[in-house]
Amino acid sequence: MASGMIPHGVFVAGTDTGVGKTFVAAALLRSLCAAGKRAVGMKPVAAGIEPGCDVNADVAALAEAGNVDAPLADRNPYAFAAPIAPHLAARLQGVSIDIGVVGAAYGRLAAVADAVVVEGAGGVLVPLDARRDMLDIASALGLPVLLVVGMRLGCLNHALLSAWAIRARGLMLAGWVANRLPPEMEQVDANVDAITQRLGVAPIATFGFAQPGRFVPEALRALEMD
């Protein structure tokens, strides 16, 4: 953990892109706010800004879900217009992603909030540059990881490999969320059971694509954010 870092947050990682990280992170922020917490969302690296928009859509969704007013530069230190892998987007703009900058921004957010929900980009091993990846941010911030599993064909392999990578880095897998994606996959409950058996822990939340997500108090307690 970086010097002086306050570990009152969580890093929301995904098994892939498009699995619902922002949906889950926003649900967590809303649940924290409902529980009386000052909660702020952070997306250290965002790639993809729609024409005519000032910010990435994920960053905007996190801001709407939280209740702490903080500078955009802290909530999203690195924003790239191109909707491509972060290391490629950074290269196009001639920028190097500095994890120290991310850590400093996180520290400022942590100083004004009870909880910081940090959302990664893409899957857990998406590169930041030639040698570092998304889990290096979680490691530098000293945060436990909440893994979002998009329940679709291929999710078993993606979930187990992602959890293995998280644990291999010495990071805490604080829990996982089963996010049901449209169209509904066949045998979805059996797949949730298979992941539960192999990870040794049941999901702390299961979301349906047609339902607004929320985290019950027990889930916040499991994340040590109650």
Protein backbone atom coordinates (compact mmCIF):
# COMPACT_ATOMS: atom_id res chain seq x y z
CA MET A 1 0.00 0.00 0.00
CA ALA A 2 1.24 3.47 -0.81
CA SER A 3 2.47 5.56 2.10
CA GLY A 4 -0.41 7.25 3.94
CA MET A 5 -3.08 5.43 1.93
CA ILE A 6 -6.40 4.91 3.69
CA PRO A 7 -7.87 1.47 2.90
CA HIS A 8 -11.56 2.37 3.12
CA GLY A 9 -12.45 1.48 -0.42
CA VAL A 10 -12.85 -1.38 -2.85
CA PHE A 11 -11.58 -2.05 -6.35
CA VAL A 12 -14.31 -3.26 -8.71
CA ALA A 13 -12.76 -5.52 -11.34
CA GLY A 14 -14.37 -7.49 -14.13
CA THR A 15 -13.85 -10.78 -15.87
CA ASP A 16 -13.99 -8.90 -19.19
CA THR A 17 -15.23 -5.70 -20.74
CA GLY A 18 -18.99 -5.26 -20.89
CA VAL A 19 -19.74 -7.46 -17.88
CA GLY A 20 -21.36 -4.71 -15.80
CA LYS A 21 -18.58 -3.20 -13.69
CA THR A 22 -20.12 0.26 -13.83
CA PHE A 23 -23.60 -1.12 -13.11
CA VAL A 24 -22.26 -2.89 -10.02
CA ALA A 25 -20.03 -0.01 -8.88
CA ALA A 26 -22.95 2.42 -9.17
CA ALA A 27 -25.21 0.04 -7.25
CA LEU A 28 -22.58 -0.17 -4.51
CA LEU A 29 -22.32 3.62 -4.36
CA ARG A 30 -26.10 4.03 -4.11
CA SER A 31 -26.25 1.41 -1.37
CA LEU A 32 -23.49 3.14 0.59
CA CYS A 33 -25.25 6.49 0.25
CA ALA A 34 -28.52 4.92 1.43
CA ALA A 35 -26.62 3.60 4.45
CA GLY A 36 -25.59 7.14 5.37
CA LYS A 37 -22.04 7.01 4.03
CA ARG A 38 -20.21 9.69 2.10
CA ALA A 39 -19.35 7.69 -1.01
CA VAL A 40 -17.50 8.64 -4.16
CA GLY A 41 -16.71 6.72 -7.32
CA MET A 42 -13.35 6.73 -9.08
CA LYS A 43 -12.34 5.38 -12.48
CA PRO A 44 -8.56 5.83 -12.66
CA VAL A 45 -8.36 5.09 -16.38
CA ALA A 46 -11.21 5.52 -18.84
CA ALA A 47 -11.01 4.98 -22.59
CA GLY A 48 -13.88 6.07 -24.78
CA ILE A 49 -15.70 9.41 -24.76
CA GLU A 50 -18.78 9.79 -26.94
CA PRO A 51 -18.73 12.67 -29.44
CA GLY A 52 -20.23 15.78 -27.86
CA CYS A 53 -19.63 14.54 -24.32
CA ASP A 54 -17.13 15.96 -21.87
CA VAL A 55 -16.56 12.80 -19.84
CA ASN A 56 -16.59 9.05 -20.22
CA ALA A 57 -20.06 7.55 -19.68
CA ASP A 58 -18.83 5.29 -16.86
CA VAL A 59 -17.31 8.26 -15.03
CA ALA A 60 -20.59 10.17 -15.36
CA ALA A 61 -22.59 7.19 -14.02
CA LEU A 62 -20.33 6.88 -10.97
CA ALA A 63 -20.66 10.61 -10.27
CA GLU A 64 -24.45 10.38 -10.42
CA ALA A 65 -24.51 7.42 -8.03
CA GLY A 66 -22.24 8.95 -5.37
CA ASN A 67 -22.88 11.86 -3.02
CA VAL A 68 -19.45 13.51 -2.72
CA ASP A 69 -18.51 16.48 -4.87
CA ALA A 70 -14.92 15.96 -5.98
CA PRO A 71 -12.81 17.25 -8.88
CA LEU A 72 -13.06 15.31 -12.12
CA ALA A 73 -9.26 15.12 -12.25
CA ASP A 74 -9.32 13.07 -9.04
CA ARG A 75 -12.31 10.91 -9.99
CA ASN A 76 -10.83 10.17 -13.43
CA PRO A 77 -7.11 11.00 -13.62
CA TYR A 78 -6.66 9.49 -17.07
CA ALA A 79 -9.33 9.97 -19.75
CA PHE A 80 -8.79 8.96 -23.37
CA ALA A 81 -11.15 9.65 -26.24
CA ALA A 82 -10.51 6.47 -28.22
CA PRO A 83 -12.57 3.41 -27.11
CA ILE A 84 -9.59 1.05 -27.20
CA ALA A 85 -7.31 -0.67 -24.70
CA PRO A 86 -5.90 1.88 -22.21
CA HIS A 87 -2.24 1.32 -23.07
CA LEU A 88 -2.98 1.87 -26.76
CA ALA A 89 -5.14 4.95 -26.07
CA ALA A 90 -2.39 6.39 -23.88
CA ARG A 91 0.19 5.76 -26.57
CA LEU A 92 -1.96 7.55 -29.16
CA GLN A 93 -2.12 10.62 -26.93
CA GLY A 94 1.54 10.46 -25.97
CA VAL A 95 0.70 9.90 -22.31
CA SER A 96 2.22 7.55 -19.73
CA ILE A 97 -0.17 6.25 -17.06
CA ASP A 98 1.49 7.02 -13.72
CA ILE A 99 0.13 4.92 -10.85
CA GLY A 100 1.59 7.48 -8.44
CA VAL A 101 -0.81 10.06 -9.90
CA VAL A 102 -3.67 7.63 -9.39
CA GLY A 103 -2.60 7.01 -5.79
CA ALA A 104 -2.44 10.71 -5.00
CA ALA A 105 -5.92 11.22 -6.47
CA TYR A 106 -7.28 8.31 -4.45
CA GLY A 107 -5.77 9.77 -1.28
CA ARG A 108 -7.55 13.08 -1.85
CA LEU A 109 -10.86 11.29 -2.42
CA ALA A 110 -10.36 9.15 0.67
CA ALA A 111 -9.80 12.30 2.72
CA VAL A 112 -13.30 13.62 1.95
CA ALA A 113 -15.31 10.38 1.79
CA ASP A 114 -16.17 7.45 4.02
CA ALA A 115 -15.83 5.06 1.08
CA VAL A 116 -14.21 5.16 -2.35
CA VAL A 117 -15.43 2.75 -5.02
CA VAL A 118 -12.69 2.37 -7.63
CA GLU A 119 -13.71 0.86 -10.96
CA GLY A 120 -11.16 -0.75 -13.24
CA ALA A 121 -11.27 -0.83 -17.03
CA GLY A 122 -11.81 -4.04 -18.97
CA GLY A 123 -10.64 -7.28 -17.37
CA VAL A 124 -8.21 -7.72 -14.48
CA LEU A 125 -5.09 -8.01 -16.65
CA VAL A 126 -5.80 -5.24 -19.15
CA PRO A 127 -2.43 -3.54 -19.77
CA LEU A 128 -1.59 -0.01 -18.66
CA ASP A 129 1.76 -0.04 -20.42
CA ALA A 130 4.44 -2.56 -21.44
CA ARG A 131 4.70 -4.13 -17.99
CA ARG A 132 1.84 -3.06 -15.73
CA ASP A 133 -1.84 -3.91 -15.76
CA MET A 134 -5.11 -3.07 -14.03
CA LEU A 135 -4.36 -5.15 -10.94
CA ASP A 136 -1.27 -3.03 -10.34
CA ILE A 137 -3.62 -0.15 -9.53
CA ALA A 138 -5.52 -2.23 -6.97
CA SER A 139 -2.20 -3.32 -5.48
CA ALA A 140 -0.81 0.22 -5.30
CA LEU A 141 -3.97 1.43 -3.56
CA GLY A 142 -3.97 -1.52 -1.18
CA LEU A 143 -7.60 -2.30 -1.93
CA PRO A 144 -9.57 -5.54 -1.76
CA VAL A 145 -11.09 -6.61 -5.06
CA LEU A 146 -14.75 -7.16 -5.85
CA LEU A 147 -14.98 -9.28 -8.99
CA VAL A 148 -17.91 -8.80 -11.36
CA VAL A 149 -18.71 -11.95 -13.31
CA GLY A 150 -20.87 -11.48 -16.38
CA MET A 151 -23.05 -14.58 -16.48
CA ARG A 152 -22.73 -15.65 -20.10
CA LEU A 153 -21.16 -18.51 -22.00
CA GLY A 154 -17.47 -18.64 -21.07
CA CYS A 155 -17.95 -17.12 -17.62
CA LEU A 156 -16.61 -20.15 -15.75
CA ASN A 157 -13.17 -19.93 -17.28
CA HIS A 158 -13.10 -16.13 -17.09
CA ALA A 159 -14.18 -16.06 -13.45
CA LEU A 160 -11.73 -18.71 -12.28
CA LEU A 161 -8.78 -17.24 -14.19
CA SER A 162 -9.57 -13.75 -12.92
CA ALA A 163 -9.84 -14.92 -9.32
CA TRP A 164 -6.58 -16.84 -9.70
CA ALA A 165 -4.84 -13.71 -11.00
CA ILE A 166 -6.17 -11.59 -8.13
CA ARG A 167 -5.03 -14.05 -5.50
CA ALA A 168 -1.69 -14.68 -7.23
CA ARG A 169 -0.91 -10.96 -6.83
CA GLY A 170 -1.48 -11.24 -3.09
CA LEU A 171 -4.67 -9.19 -3.33
CA MET A 172 -7.76 -9.97 -1.28
CA LEU A 173 -10.74 -11.24 -3.25
CA ALA A 174 -13.38 -9.54 -1.13
CA GLY A 175 -16.21 -11.20 -2.99
CA TRP A 176 -17.84 -11.58 -6.36
CA VAL A 177 -21.05 -10.53 -8.02
CA ALA A 178 -23.03 -12.69 -10.43
CA ASN A 179 -24.37 -10.24 -13.00
CA ARG A 180 -26.97 -11.78 -15.29
CA LEU A 181 -26.53 -10.42 -18.81
CA PRO A 182 -29.03 -10.41 -21.63
CA PRO A 183 -29.93 -12.70 -23.16
CA GLU A 184 -30.31 -14.99 -20.14
CA MET A 185 -27.83 -17.84 -20.37
CA GLU A 186 -28.97 -21.43 -20.10
CA GLN A 187 -28.42 -23.11 -16.72
CA VAL A 188 -27.41 -19.79 -15.14
CA ASP A 189 -28.01 -21.00 -11.57
CA ALA A 190 -25.94 -24.11 -12.19
CA ASN A 191 -23.13 -21.91 -13.48
CA VAL A 192 -23.32 -19.72 -10.36
CA ASP A 193 -23.12 -22.88 -8.26
CA ALA A 194 -20.08 -24.09 -10.23
CA ILE A 195 -18.22 -20.82 -9.65
CA THR A 196 -19.22 -20.83 -5.99
CA GLN A 197 -17.89 -24.36 -5.52
CA ARG A 198 -14.57 -23.59 -7.18
CA LEU A 199 -13.97 -20.20 -5.58
CA GLY A 200 -15.10 -21.43 -2.19
CA VAL A 201 -17.49 -18.54 -1.65
CA ALA A 202 -20.98 -17.64 -2.85
CA PRO A 203 -21.62 -14.31 -4.62
CA ILE A 204 -22.28 -11.42 -2.24
CA ALA A 205 -24.90 -10.21 -4.70
CA THR A 206 -26.72 -11.52 -7.75
CA PHE A 207 -28.11 -8.95 -10.15
CA GLY A 208 -30.66 -9.40 -12.90
CA PHE A 209 -30.36 -7.35 -16.06
CA ALA A 210 -33.95 -6.17 -15.78
CA GLN A 211 -33.65 -5.13 -12.12
CA PRO A 212 -31.88 -2.20 -10.44
CA GLY A 213 -29.02 -3.50 -8.35
CA ARG A 214 -28.49 -2.91 -4.65
CA PHE A 215 -26.25 -4.30 -1.95
CA VAL A 216 -27.92 -5.43 1.26
CA PRO A 217 -26.28 -4.56 4.62
CA GLU A 218 -24.78 -8.05 4.84
CA ALA A 219 -22.98 -7.50 1.56
CA LEU A 220 -21.60 -4.14 2.70
CA ARG A 221 -20.45 -5.85 5.88
CA ALA A 222 -18.69 -8.55 3.85
CA LEU A 223 -16.84 -5.79 2.00
CA GLU A 224 -16.06 -4.09 5.35
CA MET A 225 -17.84 -0.99 4.09
CA ASP A 226 -20.80 -0.98 6.51
